[in-house]
Amino acid sequence: MVSYAQLRETGAFARDCSTRVVLDHVMSRWGVLVLCTLSDGTHRWGELRREVEGISEKMLASTLRQLVADGIVHRESLPTVPPHVEYRLTERGRELMDRMLPLIEWIAVRADEIVGRAPGAGDGAPSTEPARR
C-alpha cells in the first residue's frame, strides 16, 4: 500500500497538480454516484437519472461530460430514432471502480454510525465536538 508521504513526494497534491482536478471530478457527490451506477454496466441517460436520485439534468450532463473528457466514461450515440445514447465505464473507469467500490462499501456500512444515526448513537444529531487526530 502507498503511504501519503510517498504520494506527497511525487507532488501529487501540489496546488497546481492535475490530481486535484481528477479528484474533484471522480470524488464529487455526483461523480461517485454516477460511477457506482455505471460500475454495474451500460446505462442510458434516463436510467442514470432514475438511478442517481436527486441529480438534476444539468448536473448529470455536466458530470457525464467531465467523466467522458477524463476518459473514465465512454459515451456512445447510436443511430436510431429517437436518438439513443449509452454510457459505460472505459477500461480506466473499470480500473478506478475496482479500487473505489471497496471504499464506497466501507462508507455505506458505517455512514449512519459516522453521522450519529446508528442505534444507540444518541439523539441522531451530528457531533459538535472537534474531530480527534
Foldseek 3Di string as FASTA:
>chain_A
DDDPVNCVVVVLPPPPHCNVVVCCLCVPPLNVQLLVVQLVHKDWPVVSPVSSPPDDPVRVVVSVVVCVVVQQKDWDWDPDVVITIMIHGDPNNNVVCVVCVVVVVVCVVCVQVQQQNDVVSPPSHGDPDDDDD
